[in-house]
Each structure stands twice: as structure tokens, then as C-alpha cells.
N, C-alpha and C. Protein backbone atom coordinates (compact mmCIF):
# COMPACT_ATOMS: atom_id res chain seq x y z
N MET A 1 14.95 8.07 0.03
CA MET A 1 13.83 7.86 0.93
C MET A 1 14.33 7.11 2.15
N ARG A 2 13.60 7.23 3.23
CA ARG A 2 14.03 6.60 4.47
C ARG A 2 12.86 5.89 5.13
N ILE A 3 13.20 4.96 6.02
CA ILE A 3 12.18 4.30 6.82
C ILE A 3 11.91 5.21 8.01
N ILE A 4 10.66 5.54 8.22
CA ILE A 4 10.26 6.56 9.19
C ILE A 4 10.32 6.06 10.63
N SER A 5 9.89 4.82 10.88
CA SER A 5 9.78 4.35 12.27
C SER A 5 9.95 2.84 12.34
N GLY A 6 10.01 2.35 13.56
CA GLY A 6 10.10 0.91 13.78
C GLY A 6 11.52 0.43 13.94
N SER A 7 11.71 -0.86 13.74
CA SER A 7 13.00 -1.51 13.99
C SER A 7 14.11 -1.02 13.06
N LYS A 8 13.77 -0.51 11.90
CA LYS A 8 14.76 -0.03 10.93
C LYS A 8 14.66 1.49 10.72
N LYS A 9 14.14 2.19 11.73
CA LYS A 9 13.96 3.64 11.66
C LYS A 9 15.26 4.33 11.22
N GLY A 10 15.11 5.24 10.24
CA GLY A 10 16.23 6.04 9.79
C GLY A 10 17.05 5.43 8.66
N ILE A 11 16.83 4.16 8.35
CA ILE A 11 17.60 3.52 7.27
C ILE A 11 17.18 4.14 5.93
N ILE A 12 18.18 4.47 5.15
CA ILE A 12 17.96 5.07 3.83
C ILE A 12 17.83 3.96 2.79
N ILE A 13 16.84 4.12 1.93
CA ILE A 13 16.61 3.20 0.81
C ILE A 13 16.89 3.99 -0.47
N ARG A 14 17.77 3.45 -1.30
CA ARG A 14 18.13 4.14 -2.54
C ARG A 14 17.83 3.25 -3.74
N PRO A 15 16.66 3.44 -4.34
CA PRO A 15 16.36 2.66 -5.54
C PRO A 15 17.33 3.01 -6.67
N PRO A 16 17.67 2.04 -7.49
CA PRO A 16 18.57 2.34 -8.61
C PRO A 16 17.89 3.23 -9.64
N SER A 17 18.69 3.95 -10.40
CA SER A 17 18.11 4.80 -11.45
C SER A 17 17.48 3.89 -12.51
N GLY A 18 16.52 4.44 -13.19
CA GLY A 18 15.87 3.69 -14.25
C GLY A 18 14.64 2.91 -13.81
N MET A 19 14.33 2.94 -12.52
CA MET A 19 13.11 2.28 -12.06
C MET A 19 11.93 3.22 -12.32
N PRO A 20 10.85 2.70 -12.89
CA PRO A 20 9.70 3.57 -13.19
C PRO A 20 8.84 3.79 -11.94
N VAL A 21 9.35 4.57 -11.00
CA VAL A 21 8.63 4.74 -9.73
C VAL A 21 8.48 6.22 -9.38
N ARG A 22 7.47 6.49 -8.60
CA ARG A 22 7.23 7.78 -7.99
C ARG A 22 7.03 7.48 -6.52
N PRO A 23 8.12 7.38 -5.75
CA PRO A 23 7.97 6.97 -4.36
C PRO A 23 7.09 7.93 -3.56
N THR A 24 6.34 7.36 -2.64
CA THR A 24 5.54 8.16 -1.72
C THR A 24 6.49 9.08 -0.95
N THR A 25 6.17 10.35 -0.89
CA THR A 25 7.05 11.29 -0.19
C THR A 25 7.09 10.94 1.30
N ASP A 26 8.19 11.31 1.94
CA ASP A 26 8.31 11.05 3.38
C ASP A 26 7.19 11.74 4.14
N PHE A 27 6.79 12.95 3.72
CA PHE A 27 5.72 13.69 4.39
C PHE A 27 4.39 12.92 4.29
N CYS A 28 4.06 12.46 3.11
CA CYS A 28 2.82 11.71 2.90
C CYS A 28 2.87 10.37 3.66
N LYS A 29 4.01 9.70 3.57
CA LYS A 29 4.17 8.40 4.24
C LYS A 29 4.07 8.56 5.76
N GLU A 30 4.74 9.58 6.29
CA GLU A 30 4.68 9.81 7.74
C GLU A 30 3.25 10.12 8.18
N SER A 31 2.54 10.91 7.40
CA SER A 31 1.14 11.22 7.72
C SER A 31 0.27 9.96 7.68
N LEU A 32 0.46 9.15 6.65
CA LEU A 32 -0.29 7.90 6.54
C LEU A 32 -0.09 7.03 7.77
N PHE A 33 1.16 6.84 8.16
CA PHE A 33 1.43 5.95 9.28
C PHE A 33 1.02 6.56 10.62
N ASN A 34 0.98 7.88 10.72
CA ASN A 34 0.42 8.50 11.92
C ASN A 34 -1.07 8.21 12.02
N ILE A 35 -1.77 8.26 10.90
CA ILE A 35 -3.20 7.93 10.88
C ILE A 35 -3.39 6.46 11.29
N LEU A 36 -2.61 5.57 10.69
CA LEU A 36 -2.75 4.14 10.97
C LEU A 36 -2.36 3.79 12.40
N ASP A 37 -1.38 4.51 12.96
CA ASP A 37 -0.95 4.26 14.35
C ASP A 37 -2.13 4.32 15.32
N ASN A 38 -3.09 5.17 15.01
CA ASN A 38 -4.24 5.35 15.90
C ASN A 38 -5.37 4.37 15.62
N GLN A 39 -5.21 3.51 14.60
CA GLN A 39 -6.31 2.64 14.20
C GLN A 39 -5.99 1.15 14.20
N ILE A 40 -4.72 0.80 14.09
CA ILE A 40 -4.38 -0.62 13.95
C ILE A 40 -3.22 -1.00 14.86
N HIS A 41 -3.06 -2.30 15.04
CA HIS A 41 -1.88 -2.87 15.68
C HIS A 41 -1.07 -3.49 14.54
N PHE A 42 0.06 -2.89 14.24
CA PHE A 42 0.84 -3.31 13.07
C PHE A 42 1.21 -4.78 13.10
N ASN A 43 1.48 -5.33 14.27
CA ASN A 43 1.90 -6.73 14.34
C ASN A 43 0.74 -7.70 14.11
N ARG A 44 -0.46 -7.20 13.93
CA ARG A 44 -1.63 -8.06 13.70
C ARG A 44 -2.21 -7.96 12.29
N VAL A 45 -1.64 -7.12 11.44
CA VAL A 45 -2.26 -6.89 10.14
C VAL A 45 -1.53 -7.58 8.99
N SER A 46 -2.33 -8.03 8.04
CA SER A 46 -1.78 -8.54 6.78
C SER A 46 -1.94 -7.42 5.76
N VAL A 47 -0.92 -7.25 4.92
CA VAL A 47 -0.85 -6.09 4.04
C VAL A 47 -0.62 -6.54 2.60
N LEU A 48 -1.36 -5.91 1.69
CA LEU A 48 -1.11 -6.06 0.26
C LEU A 48 -0.70 -4.69 -0.25
N ASP A 49 0.51 -4.61 -0.81
CA ASP A 49 1.06 -3.38 -1.36
C ASP A 49 1.04 -3.50 -2.87
N LEU A 50 0.02 -2.88 -3.49
CA LEU A 50 -0.13 -2.93 -4.94
C LEU A 50 0.63 -1.78 -5.58
N PHE A 51 1.22 -2.02 -6.75
CA PHE A 51 2.08 -1.05 -7.42
C PHE A 51 3.22 -0.69 -6.45
N ALA A 52 3.87 -1.70 -5.92
CA ALA A 52 4.85 -1.54 -4.84
C ALA A 52 6.03 -0.65 -5.20
N GLY A 53 6.40 -0.59 -6.46
CA GLY A 53 7.48 0.31 -6.88
C GLY A 53 8.77 0.07 -6.12
N SER A 54 9.19 1.05 -5.35
CA SER A 54 10.44 0.96 -4.60
C SER A 54 10.30 0.16 -3.31
N GLY A 55 9.08 -0.19 -2.93
CA GLY A 55 8.86 -0.98 -1.72
C GLY A 55 8.75 -0.15 -0.45
N ALA A 56 8.74 1.18 -0.57
CA ALA A 56 8.75 2.06 0.61
C ALA A 56 7.63 1.73 1.59
N ILE A 57 6.44 1.49 1.10
CA ILE A 57 5.31 1.20 1.99
C ILE A 57 5.48 -0.17 2.63
N SER A 58 5.89 -1.16 1.86
CA SER A 58 6.12 -2.50 2.40
C SER A 58 7.20 -2.46 3.48
N PHE A 59 8.28 -1.74 3.22
CA PHE A 59 9.38 -1.65 4.20
C PHE A 59 8.91 -0.97 5.49
N GLU A 60 8.06 0.03 5.35
CA GLU A 60 7.56 0.73 6.54
C GLU A 60 6.68 -0.19 7.38
N PHE A 61 5.79 -0.95 6.74
CA PHE A 61 4.97 -1.90 7.48
C PHE A 61 5.83 -2.97 8.15
N ALA A 62 6.84 -3.46 7.43
CA ALA A 62 7.72 -4.50 7.99
C ALA A 62 8.51 -3.95 9.18
N SER A 63 9.02 -2.74 9.06
CA SER A 63 9.78 -2.13 10.15
C SER A 63 8.93 -1.96 11.41
N ARG A 64 7.63 -1.80 11.22
CA ARG A 64 6.71 -1.61 12.33
C ARG A 64 6.15 -2.93 12.86
N GLY A 65 6.59 -4.05 12.29
CA GLY A 65 6.25 -5.34 12.85
C GLY A 65 5.17 -6.14 12.15
N SER A 66 4.67 -5.66 11.01
CA SER A 66 3.67 -6.45 10.28
C SER A 66 4.30 -7.75 9.81
N LYS A 67 3.59 -8.84 9.98
CA LYS A 67 4.16 -10.18 9.75
C LYS A 67 3.89 -10.75 8.37
N ASP A 68 2.88 -10.22 7.67
CA ASP A 68 2.47 -10.80 6.38
C ASP A 68 2.27 -9.67 5.38
N ILE A 69 3.22 -9.51 4.47
CA ILE A 69 3.18 -8.43 3.50
C ILE A 69 3.45 -9.01 2.11
N ILE A 70 2.56 -8.70 1.18
CA ILE A 70 2.77 -9.09 -0.21
C ILE A 70 2.93 -7.82 -1.02
N SER A 71 4.05 -7.72 -1.73
CA SER A 71 4.36 -6.56 -2.58
C SER A 71 4.18 -6.98 -4.03
N VAL A 72 3.30 -6.29 -4.73
CA VAL A 72 2.98 -6.63 -6.11
C VAL A 72 3.36 -5.47 -7.03
N ASP A 73 4.08 -5.79 -8.09
CA ASP A 73 4.41 -4.81 -9.11
C ASP A 73 4.65 -5.57 -10.41
N ASN A 74 4.37 -4.93 -11.54
CA ASN A 74 4.57 -5.65 -12.81
C ASN A 74 5.93 -5.37 -13.44
N HIS A 75 6.71 -4.48 -12.84
CA HIS A 75 8.02 -4.16 -13.41
C HIS A 75 9.10 -5.04 -12.77
N PRO A 76 9.86 -5.80 -13.57
CA PRO A 76 10.85 -6.73 -13.01
C PRO A 76 11.93 -6.04 -12.17
N LYS A 77 12.34 -4.81 -12.56
CA LYS A 77 13.37 -4.11 -11.79
C LYS A 77 12.84 -3.72 -10.40
N SER A 78 11.58 -3.33 -10.33
CA SER A 78 10.97 -2.99 -9.03
C SER A 78 10.90 -4.21 -8.13
N ILE A 79 10.42 -5.31 -8.67
CA ILE A 79 10.30 -6.53 -7.86
C ILE A 79 11.67 -7.01 -7.42
N GLY A 80 12.64 -6.95 -8.32
CA GLY A 80 14.01 -7.35 -7.96
C GLY A 80 14.57 -6.48 -6.85
N PHE A 81 14.31 -5.18 -6.92
CA PHE A 81 14.80 -4.26 -5.89
C PHE A 81 14.13 -4.54 -4.54
N VAL A 82 12.81 -4.70 -4.54
CA VAL A 82 12.11 -4.97 -3.28
C VAL A 82 12.61 -6.28 -2.67
N LYS A 83 12.81 -7.27 -3.51
CA LYS A 83 13.30 -8.56 -3.03
C LYS A 83 14.70 -8.44 -2.43
N SER A 84 15.61 -7.75 -3.12
CA SER A 84 16.98 -7.64 -2.62
C SER A 84 17.06 -6.76 -1.38
N GLU A 85 16.29 -5.67 -1.32
CA GLU A 85 16.29 -4.81 -0.14
C GLU A 85 15.65 -5.52 1.05
N SER A 86 14.60 -6.30 0.81
CA SER A 86 13.98 -7.07 1.89
C SER A 86 15.00 -8.02 2.51
N SER A 87 15.78 -8.65 1.67
CA SER A 87 16.82 -9.56 2.15
C SER A 87 17.89 -8.79 2.93
N ARG A 88 18.35 -7.68 2.37
CA ARG A 88 19.38 -6.86 3.03
C ARG A 88 18.90 -6.37 4.40
N LEU A 89 17.63 -6.02 4.50
CA LEU A 89 17.09 -5.47 5.75
C LEU A 89 16.59 -6.56 6.70
N GLY A 90 16.58 -7.81 6.24
CA GLY A 90 16.11 -8.91 7.09
C GLY A 90 14.61 -8.99 7.20
N PHE A 91 13.88 -8.46 6.22
CA PHE A 91 12.42 -8.49 6.22
C PHE A 91 11.94 -9.77 5.53
N LYS A 92 11.92 -10.85 6.28
CA LYS A 92 11.48 -12.14 5.72
C LYS A 92 9.98 -12.20 5.51
N GLN A 93 9.24 -11.28 6.12
CA GLN A 93 7.78 -11.29 6.01
C GLN A 93 7.27 -10.66 4.71
N ILE A 94 8.17 -10.08 3.92
CA ILE A 94 7.76 -9.49 2.64
C ILE A 94 7.93 -10.52 1.53
N ARG A 95 6.82 -10.79 0.85
CA ARG A 95 6.85 -11.66 -0.33
C ARG A 95 6.57 -10.80 -1.56
N THR A 96 7.30 -11.03 -2.62
CA THR A 96 7.12 -10.24 -3.83
C THR A 96 6.42 -11.07 -4.89
N VAL A 97 5.58 -10.38 -5.67
CA VAL A 97 4.87 -11.02 -6.77
C VAL A 97 4.96 -10.09 -7.97
N ARG A 98 5.44 -10.62 -9.08
CA ARG A 98 5.45 -9.83 -10.32
C ARG A 98 4.14 -10.09 -11.03
N ALA A 99 3.29 -9.06 -11.05
CA ALA A 99 1.98 -9.17 -11.69
C ALA A 99 1.40 -7.78 -11.87
N GLU A 100 0.47 -7.66 -12.78
CA GLU A 100 -0.31 -6.44 -12.92
C GLU A 100 -1.29 -6.43 -11.75
N ALA A 101 -1.42 -5.31 -11.07
CA ALA A 101 -2.17 -5.23 -9.81
C ALA A 101 -3.61 -5.70 -9.93
N LEU A 102 -4.34 -5.20 -10.90
CA LEU A 102 -5.75 -5.58 -11.04
C LEU A 102 -5.89 -7.08 -11.31
N LYS A 103 -5.02 -7.62 -12.15
CA LYS A 103 -5.06 -9.07 -12.42
C LYS A 103 -4.74 -9.86 -11.15
N TYR A 104 -3.79 -9.36 -10.37
CA TYR A 104 -3.44 -10.06 -9.13
C TYR A 104 -4.66 -10.15 -8.21
N ILE A 105 -5.32 -9.02 -7.97
CA ILE A 105 -6.45 -9.09 -7.04
C ILE A 105 -7.64 -9.86 -7.62
N GLN A 106 -7.74 -9.91 -8.93
CA GLN A 106 -8.80 -10.70 -9.55
C GLN A 106 -8.55 -12.20 -9.42
N ASN A 107 -7.28 -12.57 -9.21
CA ASN A 107 -6.93 -14.00 -9.18
C ASN A 107 -6.52 -14.53 -7.81
N THR A 108 -6.52 -13.69 -6.79
CA THR A 108 -6.14 -14.19 -5.47
C THR A 108 -7.39 -14.43 -4.63
N SER A 109 -7.30 -15.41 -3.78
CA SER A 109 -8.40 -15.67 -2.84
C SER A 109 -8.01 -15.19 -1.43
N LYS A 110 -6.81 -14.68 -1.30
CA LYS A 110 -6.31 -14.20 0.00
C LYS A 110 -7.04 -12.92 0.39
N THR A 111 -7.20 -12.71 1.69
CA THR A 111 -7.80 -11.48 2.20
C THR A 111 -6.77 -10.73 3.04
N PHE A 112 -7.00 -9.44 3.23
CA PHE A 112 -6.03 -8.57 3.87
C PHE A 112 -6.70 -7.62 4.83
N ASP A 113 -5.91 -7.11 5.77
CA ASP A 113 -6.40 -6.07 6.66
C ASP A 113 -6.21 -4.69 6.04
N ILE A 114 -5.12 -4.55 5.30
CA ILE A 114 -4.81 -3.28 4.62
C ILE A 114 -4.40 -3.60 3.19
N ILE A 115 -5.03 -2.92 2.25
CA ILE A 115 -4.58 -2.94 0.86
C ILE A 115 -4.19 -1.51 0.53
N PHE A 116 -2.92 -1.33 0.18
CA PHE A 116 -2.42 -0.02 -0.21
C PHE A 116 -2.11 -0.07 -1.69
N ALA A 117 -2.61 0.90 -2.44
CA ALA A 117 -2.35 0.95 -3.89
C ALA A 117 -1.83 2.33 -4.26
N ASP A 118 -0.74 2.34 -4.99
CA ASP A 118 -0.13 3.59 -5.44
C ASP A 118 0.15 3.49 -6.94
N PRO A 119 -0.94 3.47 -7.75
CA PRO A 119 -0.75 3.34 -9.19
C PRO A 119 -0.17 4.61 -9.80
N PRO A 120 0.32 4.51 -11.04
CA PRO A 120 0.75 5.74 -11.73
C PRO A 120 -0.43 6.72 -11.76
N TYR A 121 -0.13 8.00 -11.72
CA TYR A 121 -1.20 8.99 -11.67
C TYR A 121 -2.09 8.98 -12.91
N ASN A 122 -1.62 8.43 -14.02
CA ASN A 122 -2.45 8.35 -15.22
C ASN A 122 -3.23 7.03 -15.29
N TYR A 123 -3.27 6.29 -14.21
CA TYR A 123 -3.98 5.01 -14.15
C TYR A 123 -5.46 5.22 -14.47
N SER A 124 -6.02 4.37 -15.30
CA SER A 124 -7.41 4.56 -15.75
C SER A 124 -8.39 3.58 -15.10
N GLN A 125 -7.93 2.71 -14.22
CA GLN A 125 -8.81 1.66 -13.70
C GLN A 125 -9.04 1.75 -12.18
N TYR A 126 -9.00 2.97 -11.64
CA TYR A 126 -9.23 3.13 -10.21
C TYR A 126 -10.55 2.51 -9.77
N GLU A 127 -11.62 2.83 -10.48
CA GLU A 127 -12.95 2.33 -10.09
C GLU A 127 -13.00 0.80 -10.14
N ASP A 128 -12.41 0.21 -11.17
CA ASP A 128 -12.38 -1.25 -11.26
C ASP A 128 -11.64 -1.85 -10.07
N LEU A 129 -10.53 -1.24 -9.71
CA LEU A 129 -9.72 -1.72 -8.59
C LEU A 129 -10.52 -1.64 -7.29
N ILE A 130 -11.11 -0.49 -7.02
CA ILE A 130 -11.89 -0.31 -5.80
C ILE A 130 -13.06 -1.28 -5.76
N ASP A 131 -13.82 -1.33 -6.84
CA ASP A 131 -15.00 -2.20 -6.89
C ASP A 131 -14.64 -3.67 -6.69
N HIS A 132 -13.55 -4.10 -7.33
CA HIS A 132 -13.18 -5.52 -7.21
C HIS A 132 -12.79 -5.88 -5.77
N VAL A 133 -12.05 -5.02 -5.11
CA VAL A 133 -11.65 -5.29 -3.72
C VAL A 133 -12.88 -5.54 -2.86
N PHE A 134 -13.92 -4.73 -3.03
CA PHE A 134 -15.10 -4.87 -2.17
C PHE A 134 -16.06 -5.95 -2.65
N LYS A 135 -16.25 -6.09 -3.94
CA LYS A 135 -17.14 -7.15 -4.45
C LYS A 135 -16.59 -8.53 -4.14
N SER A 136 -15.27 -8.66 -4.09
CA SER A 136 -14.64 -9.95 -3.84
C SER A 136 -14.32 -10.17 -2.36
N ASN A 137 -14.75 -9.25 -1.51
CA ASN A 137 -14.51 -9.36 -0.07
C ASN A 137 -13.04 -9.64 0.25
N GLN A 138 -12.15 -8.85 -0.33
CA GLN A 138 -10.72 -9.06 -0.12
C GLN A 138 -10.18 -8.37 1.12
N LEU A 139 -11.06 -7.65 1.82
CA LEU A 139 -10.65 -7.03 3.08
C LEU A 139 -11.26 -7.81 4.23
N ASN A 140 -10.46 -8.05 5.24
CA ASN A 140 -10.96 -8.68 6.47
C ASN A 140 -11.86 -7.67 7.18
N ASN A 141 -12.60 -8.13 8.20
CA ASN A 141 -13.42 -7.21 8.99
C ASN A 141 -12.59 -6.04 9.46
N ASN A 142 -13.13 -4.86 9.31
CA ASN A 142 -12.48 -3.61 9.69
C ASN A 142 -11.29 -3.27 8.80
N GLY A 143 -11.13 -3.99 7.68
CA GLY A 143 -10.03 -3.74 6.76
C GLY A 143 -10.20 -2.44 5.99
N MET A 144 -9.09 -1.98 5.42
CA MET A 144 -9.06 -0.70 4.73
C MET A 144 -8.34 -0.80 3.40
N LEU A 145 -8.90 -0.14 2.40
CA LEU A 145 -8.22 0.09 1.13
C LEU A 145 -7.76 1.54 1.14
N ILE A 146 -6.48 1.76 0.85
CA ILE A 146 -5.92 3.11 0.82
C ILE A 146 -5.29 3.30 -0.55
N ILE A 147 -5.68 4.37 -1.23
CA ILE A 147 -5.14 4.64 -2.55
C ILE A 147 -4.44 5.99 -2.55
N GLU A 148 -3.19 5.99 -3.00
CA GLU A 148 -2.47 7.24 -3.22
C GLU A 148 -2.72 7.64 -4.66
N HIS A 149 -3.07 8.92 -4.87
CA HIS A 149 -3.43 9.38 -6.21
C HIS A 149 -3.19 10.87 -6.34
N ALA A 150 -3.29 11.37 -7.56
CA ALA A 150 -3.17 12.81 -7.80
C ALA A 150 -4.29 13.53 -7.05
N GLY A 151 -3.96 14.71 -6.55
CA GLY A 151 -4.90 15.44 -5.72
C GLY A 151 -6.19 15.86 -6.39
N ASN A 152 -6.22 15.92 -7.72
CA ASN A 152 -7.42 16.36 -8.41
C ASN A 152 -8.49 15.27 -8.54
N LEU A 153 -8.18 14.03 -8.20
CA LEU A 153 -9.18 12.97 -8.28
C LEU A 153 -10.07 12.99 -7.06
N ASP A 154 -11.35 12.66 -7.27
CA ASP A 154 -12.32 12.68 -6.19
C ASP A 154 -13.14 11.39 -6.21
N PHE A 155 -12.99 10.61 -5.15
CA PHE A 155 -13.73 9.35 -5.04
C PHE A 155 -14.84 9.44 -4.00
N SER A 156 -15.18 10.63 -3.57
CA SER A 156 -16.11 10.80 -2.45
C SER A 156 -17.50 10.25 -2.70
N GLN A 157 -17.86 10.02 -3.95
CA GLN A 157 -19.19 9.47 -4.25
C GLN A 157 -19.22 7.94 -4.21
N HIS A 158 -18.06 7.34 -4.08
CA HIS A 158 -18.03 5.86 -4.03
C HIS A 158 -18.64 5.38 -2.72
N VAL A 159 -19.42 4.34 -2.77
CA VAL A 159 -20.16 3.86 -1.60
C VAL A 159 -19.24 3.49 -0.43
N PHE A 160 -18.02 3.06 -0.71
CA PHE A 160 -17.11 2.65 0.37
C PHE A 160 -16.08 3.73 0.74
N PHE A 161 -16.21 4.91 0.16
CA PHE A 161 -15.30 6.02 0.48
C PHE A 161 -15.47 6.43 1.94
N LYS A 162 -14.34 6.64 2.60
CA LYS A 162 -14.36 7.07 4.01
C LYS A 162 -13.84 8.49 4.15
N GLU A 163 -12.63 8.77 3.62
CA GLU A 163 -12.08 10.11 3.72
C GLU A 163 -10.92 10.29 2.74
N LYS A 164 -10.58 11.55 2.49
CA LYS A 164 -9.46 11.91 1.62
C LYS A 164 -8.57 12.89 2.38
N ARG A 165 -7.27 12.68 2.29
CA ARG A 165 -6.28 13.58 2.88
C ARG A 165 -5.34 14.03 1.77
N LYS A 166 -5.06 15.32 1.71
CA LYS A 166 -4.22 15.87 0.65
C LYS A 166 -2.85 16.25 1.22
N TYR A 167 -1.79 15.87 0.48
CA TYR A 167 -0.41 16.16 0.87
C TYR A 167 0.34 16.68 -0.36
N GLY A 168 0.35 17.99 -0.54
CA GLY A 168 0.98 18.55 -1.72
C GLY A 168 0.24 18.12 -2.98
N GLN A 169 0.96 17.54 -3.94
CA GLN A 169 0.36 17.08 -5.19
C GLN A 169 -0.34 15.73 -5.04
N SER A 170 -0.08 15.04 -3.93
CA SER A 170 -0.63 13.70 -3.71
C SER A 170 -1.79 13.75 -2.72
N SER A 171 -2.65 12.77 -2.86
CA SER A 171 -3.74 12.58 -1.90
C SER A 171 -3.82 11.11 -1.53
N LEU A 172 -4.35 10.85 -0.35
CA LEU A 172 -4.66 9.50 0.08
C LEU A 172 -6.17 9.43 0.26
N SER A 173 -6.79 8.45 -0.39
CA SER A 173 -8.21 8.20 -0.18
C SER A 173 -8.35 6.87 0.54
N PHE A 174 -9.20 6.87 1.56
CA PHE A 174 -9.42 5.70 2.40
C PHE A 174 -10.81 5.16 2.10
N PHE A 175 -10.90 3.83 1.98
CA PHE A 175 -12.16 3.16 1.70
C PHE A 175 -12.35 2.06 2.73
N GLN A 176 -13.60 1.88 3.16
CA GLN A 176 -13.88 0.84 4.16
C GLN A 176 -15.34 0.45 4.05
N ASP A 177 -15.60 -0.83 4.20
CA ASP A 177 -16.97 -1.33 4.23
C ASP A 177 -17.50 -1.08 5.63
N LYS A 178 -18.34 -0.10 5.75
CA LYS A 178 -18.83 0.30 7.07
C LYS A 178 -19.69 -0.77 7.74
N THR A 179 -20.21 -1.71 6.96
CA THR A 179 -20.99 -2.79 7.56
C THR A 179 -20.10 -3.82 8.23
N ASN A 180 -18.81 -3.84 7.87
CA ASN A 180 -17.85 -4.76 8.48
C ASN A 180 -16.87 -4.03 9.38
N SER A 181 -17.21 -2.85 9.81
CA SER A 181 -16.31 -2.02 10.59
C SER A 181 -16.71 -2.01 12.05
N TYR A 182 -15.71 -1.85 12.90
CA TYR A 182 -15.97 -1.77 14.33
C TYR A 182 -16.28 -0.35 14.77
N ASP A 183 -16.22 0.62 13.84
CA ASP A 183 -16.46 2.03 14.20
C ASP A 183 -17.86 2.23 14.71
């Protein structure tokens, strides 16, 4: 995988074998960041990367100038890799936390502009995750929750659902509290 844009554009990231990850494809990642390019100023957003895995999303935000990024994963090899690659790339703004994603958001009082979650496709707690983010007001005004998931899942009936984009076998669903949005 590679960093698509920003200060580290083109740098290849090679996670070690044996990591339980399904990295976001370059096509999906590039599409995501093209969407975000038109909506946010990267140097002004705080980011929570849940199920961080290889750190691809965190590295992309950091390369584009985001100053506050927390990468959460419960697998020690993933967290170790994100930590060592952040150091190698000079991304001091990435902080790693080893925790189960839902427990992390249930126990943090921090708020974010962007929460990105890429759970395993067999994850059974999508609704709990989405509901908790909004019930606990974990998004700042105009903040967004973005979930990468298998294309067959449909969250369009959720009250905070905004849109879904499909990229091959993967989809991105965007959620936003429209009462706190500048749209």
C-alpha cells in the first residue's frame, strides 16, 4: 500500500506478514480522500481511526497535515506496526492506543472531527458503534463518522446516515448529525 498524497506522497507501507488486517484499497482510499478534500481542511481536523490495522488511514491523514490523530486497534502487532511506522515517517501527531474500538469510544471523553472505522467485515456491533458515537456527542460540529464495510450492508435507515459509496467489494457509509452541520 502507498500514501496517496501530502508530504509523504508515494511512500510505500509494507505491513509484516501475520497481521490480521484487510487494508483499505488504494482505490477506495483515494476516493475517500477526494471526497474529504472538498469538505474539510486537513490541518484543522482531529481524527480517530478505529480498527486502525496497518495504519493506512492514519498515515494518509498525517501526510495531509492533520495534527491530532488517534489510532486504535486491539491487536498488539498492529499497534506496534503503526507506532514504528509513525516514527519512521516522522508522524509525531499519531498516537496509538491498544483497545477494543467500542470500549475505547465508550470510555473516552475526547471529541473528533472525523471518526473512521474499518472493522472486520464480520463485525456484529455496527449499530452499537454508530449509536454510541452520536449519543455521546463524540463528533464536533460538522463532524463525520465514516465506516468502511462489506458492500451488502445497508445503513440507510439510520437517522444519522448521510450517504453510501461503493468501491468493488467495499463500501463507505457516511454519518453526520444534520442538526450540527453547516450544510
